[in-house]
Amino acid sequence: MSVRRSLRSLGVGLALLAVGFALSACQEVASNLVEDQPYELEPVEGTDVNRVRLSEDTAEKIDLQTAEVRVNGRGTVVPHLALIYSPEGDAFVYTRPEPLTYVRAPIEIERVVDDRALLSAGPPAGTVVVTVGAAELLATEFEILNQHP
């Protein structure tokens, strides 16, 4: 009888141990949690634009490159690479008002000459615009198919 009781106790103990392991496997482990998000979106009040803030790691993966808007006669000029067009044909660029922060800005193109776009309206001279990685910022801003960086 005592052997039978011991075996039953052992069986119950093993069953409880198995349940404990199963439950512990379901719990989140702090070392596996991702604390930094790859990006953050913040609506720009009064517009349909979102401010895109990237983590340093994400910005490195995208390999964003920038240039400054320059003065050219009566207007300003940006590298042709900076231009992004909406499906409706509107043009814009992504500006970088502060490190790791990007904002879509509308522009009006007077004409394109070689690798430069002369603007009749847009960000002022000295504004930093994205020349490489703007498509990734667009996908991030609109969370297109959840294909953000």
Protein backbone atom coordinates (compact mmCIF):
# COMPACT_ATOMS: atom_id res chain seq x y z
CA MET A 1 0.00 0.00 0.00
CA SER A 2 2.76 2.43 0.84
CA VAL A 3 4.52 1.71 -2.49
CA ARG A 4 1.25 2.34 -4.33
CA ARG A 5 0.76 5.62 -2.43
CA SER A 6 4.36 6.67 -3.16
CA LEU A 7 3.95 5.95 -6.86
CA ARG A 8 0.69 7.90 -6.93
CA SER A 9 2.38 10.84 -5.16
CA LEU A 10 5.28 10.63 -7.59
CA GLY A 11 2.86 10.61 -10.55
CA VAL A 12 0.95 13.62 -9.19
CA GLY A 13 4.24 15.43 -8.52
CA LEU A 14 5.47 14.76 -12.08
CA ALA A 15 2.14 15.92 -13.51
CA LEU A 16 2.34 19.16 -11.51
CA LEU A 17 5.93 19.65 -12.63
CA ALA A 18 4.91 19.20 -16.28
CA VAL A 19 2.08 21.72 -15.88
CA GLY A 20 4.48 24.17 -14.23
CA PHE A 21 6.94 23.86 -17.13
CA ALA A 22 4.14 24.35 -19.65
CA LEU A 23 2.91 27.47 -17.86
CA SER A 24 6.39 28.92 -17.52
CA ALA A 25 6.91 28.47 -21.26
CA CYS A 26 3.87 30.70 -21.87
CA GLN A 27 5.19 33.56 -19.77
CA GLU A 28 7.10 36.41 -21.40
CA VAL A 29 10.78 36.46 -20.63
CA ALA A 30 12.18 39.95 -20.13
CA SER A 31 15.29 39.20 -22.18
CA ASN A 32 13.14 38.32 -25.21
CA LEU A 33 11.01 41.46 -25.17
CA VAL A 34 11.79 44.18 -27.71
CA GLU A 35 11.72 47.50 -25.92
CA ASP A 36 12.66 49.75 -28.85
CA GLN A 37 10.20 50.01 -31.70
CA PRO A 38 11.69 50.44 -35.19
CA TYR A 39 9.65 53.61 -35.75
CA GLU A 40 7.00 55.88 -34.28
CA LEU A 41 4.32 57.87 -36.12
CA GLU A 42 2.99 61.16 -34.80
CA PRO A 43 0.26 63.07 -36.66
CA VAL A 44 1.15 66.63 -37.62
CA GLU A 45 -1.82 68.65 -36.37
CA GLY A 46 -4.04 70.14 -39.07
CA THR A 47 -2.56 68.01 -41.88
CA ASP A 48 -2.76 64.51 -43.34
CA VAL A 49 0.99 64.12 -42.66
CA ASN A 50 2.64 61.94 -40.02
CA ARG A 51 5.98 62.73 -38.43
CA VAL A 52 8.11 59.58 -38.79
CA ARG A 53 10.63 58.98 -36.00
CA LEU A 54 13.05 56.13 -36.66
CA SER A 55 15.21 54.22 -34.23
CA GLU A 56 18.93 54.57 -34.91
CA ASP A 57 19.06 50.90 -35.91
CA THR A 58 16.27 51.33 -38.44
CA ALA A 59 17.80 54.46 -39.95
CA GLU A 60 21.08 52.56 -40.38
CA LYS A 61 19.32 49.64 -42.08
CA ILE A 62 17.58 51.97 -44.52
CA ASP A 63 20.87 53.83 -45.12
CA LEU A 64 19.12 57.19 -45.39
CA GLN A 65 21.06 59.86 -47.26
CA THR A 66 20.30 63.56 -47.32
CA ALA A 67 21.14 66.87 -48.98
CA GLU A 68 20.21 70.49 -48.31
CA VAL A 69 17.75 72.55 -50.30
CA ARG A 70 19.80 75.20 -52.13
CA VAL A 71 19.00 78.64 -53.49
CA ASN A 72 18.94 78.93 -57.27
CA GLY A 73 18.00 82.31 -58.71
CA ARG A 74 14.40 83.11 -57.76
CA GLY A 75 13.68 79.63 -56.40
CA THR A 76 15.25 76.67 -54.72
CA VAL A 77 16.69 73.42 -55.98
CA VAL A 78 16.79 69.84 -54.65
CA PRO A 79 18.40 66.70 -56.03
CA HIS A 80 16.05 64.89 -58.42
CA LEU A 81 16.52 61.79 -56.22
CA ALA A 82 14.62 63.54 -53.41
CA LEU A 83 11.35 63.72 -55.37
CA ILE A 84 8.42 61.46 -54.51
CA TYR A 85 5.12 61.52 -56.40
CA SER A 86 1.67 60.60 -55.13
CA PRO A 87 -0.70 58.53 -57.31
CA GLU A 88 -2.54 61.82 -58.02
CA GLY A 89 0.66 63.36 -59.42
CA ASP A 90 1.43 65.63 -56.48
CA ALA A 91 5.13 65.91 -55.65
CA PHE A 92 6.79 66.06 -52.26
CA VAL A 93 10.04 65.49 -50.42
CA TYR A 94 10.82 64.17 -46.96
CA THR A 95 12.48 66.76 -44.75
CA ARG A 96 14.58 66.06 -41.66
CA PRO A 97 13.70 68.75 -39.09
CA GLU A 98 15.73 66.96 -36.41
CA PRO A 99 17.89 63.84 -36.24
CA LEU A 100 15.97 60.60 -36.96
CA THR A 101 12.74 62.56 -37.62
CA TYR A 102 11.23 62.94 -41.08
CA VAL A 103 8.23 64.90 -42.35
CA ARG A 104 6.64 64.82 -45.80
CA ALA A 105 6.55 68.31 -47.38
CA PRO A 106 4.68 69.29 -50.56
CA ILE A 107 6.63 70.91 -53.37
CA GLU A 108 5.90 72.52 -56.73
CA ILE A 109 8.37 71.68 -59.46
CA GLU A 110 9.14 74.39 -62.00
CA ARG A 111 11.32 72.09 -64.08
CA VAL A 112 13.86 69.28 -63.86
CA VAL A 113 17.33 69.90 -65.26
CA ASP A 114 19.74 66.97 -65.29
CA ASP A 115 19.89 65.65 -61.71
CA ARG A 116 18.24 68.70 -60.09
CA ALA A 117 14.66 69.83 -59.61
CA LEU A 118 14.03 73.56 -59.56
CA LEU A 119 11.18 74.35 -57.20
CA SER A 120 8.70 77.22 -57.31
CA ALA A 121 7.39 76.21 -53.86
CA GLY A 122 8.63 73.97 -51.09
CA PRO A 123 10.93 73.88 -48.07
CA PRO A 124 13.26 76.88 -47.66
CA ALA A 125 16.95 76.82 -48.50
CA GLY A 126 19.01 75.03 -45.87
CA THR A 127 16.30 72.45 -45.12
CA VAL A 128 17.65 68.91 -45.09
CA VAL A 129 15.79 66.57 -47.48
CA VAL A 130 16.10 62.81 -47.95
CA THR A 131 17.71 61.74 -51.24
CA VAL A 132 17.99 57.99 -50.59
CA GLY A 133 15.43 56.10 -48.51
CA ALA A 134 12.36 58.29 -49.16
CA ALA A 135 10.37 55.34 -50.53
CA GLU A 136 11.00 53.46 -47.28
CA LEU A 137 9.83 56.48 -45.28
CA LEU A 138 6.67 56.65 -47.40
CA ALA A 139 5.96 52.96 -46.76
CA THR A 140 6.59 53.51 -43.06
CA GLU A 141 4.40 56.61 -42.83
CA PHE A 142 1.46 54.83 -44.47
CA GLU A 143 2.32 51.41 -42.97
CA ILE A 144 1.91 49.91 -46.44
CA LEU A 145 1.28 46.16 -46.09
CA ASN A 146 3.05 46.41 -42.76
CA GLN A 147 6.33 46.44 -44.70
CA HIS A 148 7.97 49.07 -42.53
CA PRO A 149 11.68 48.74 -41.81
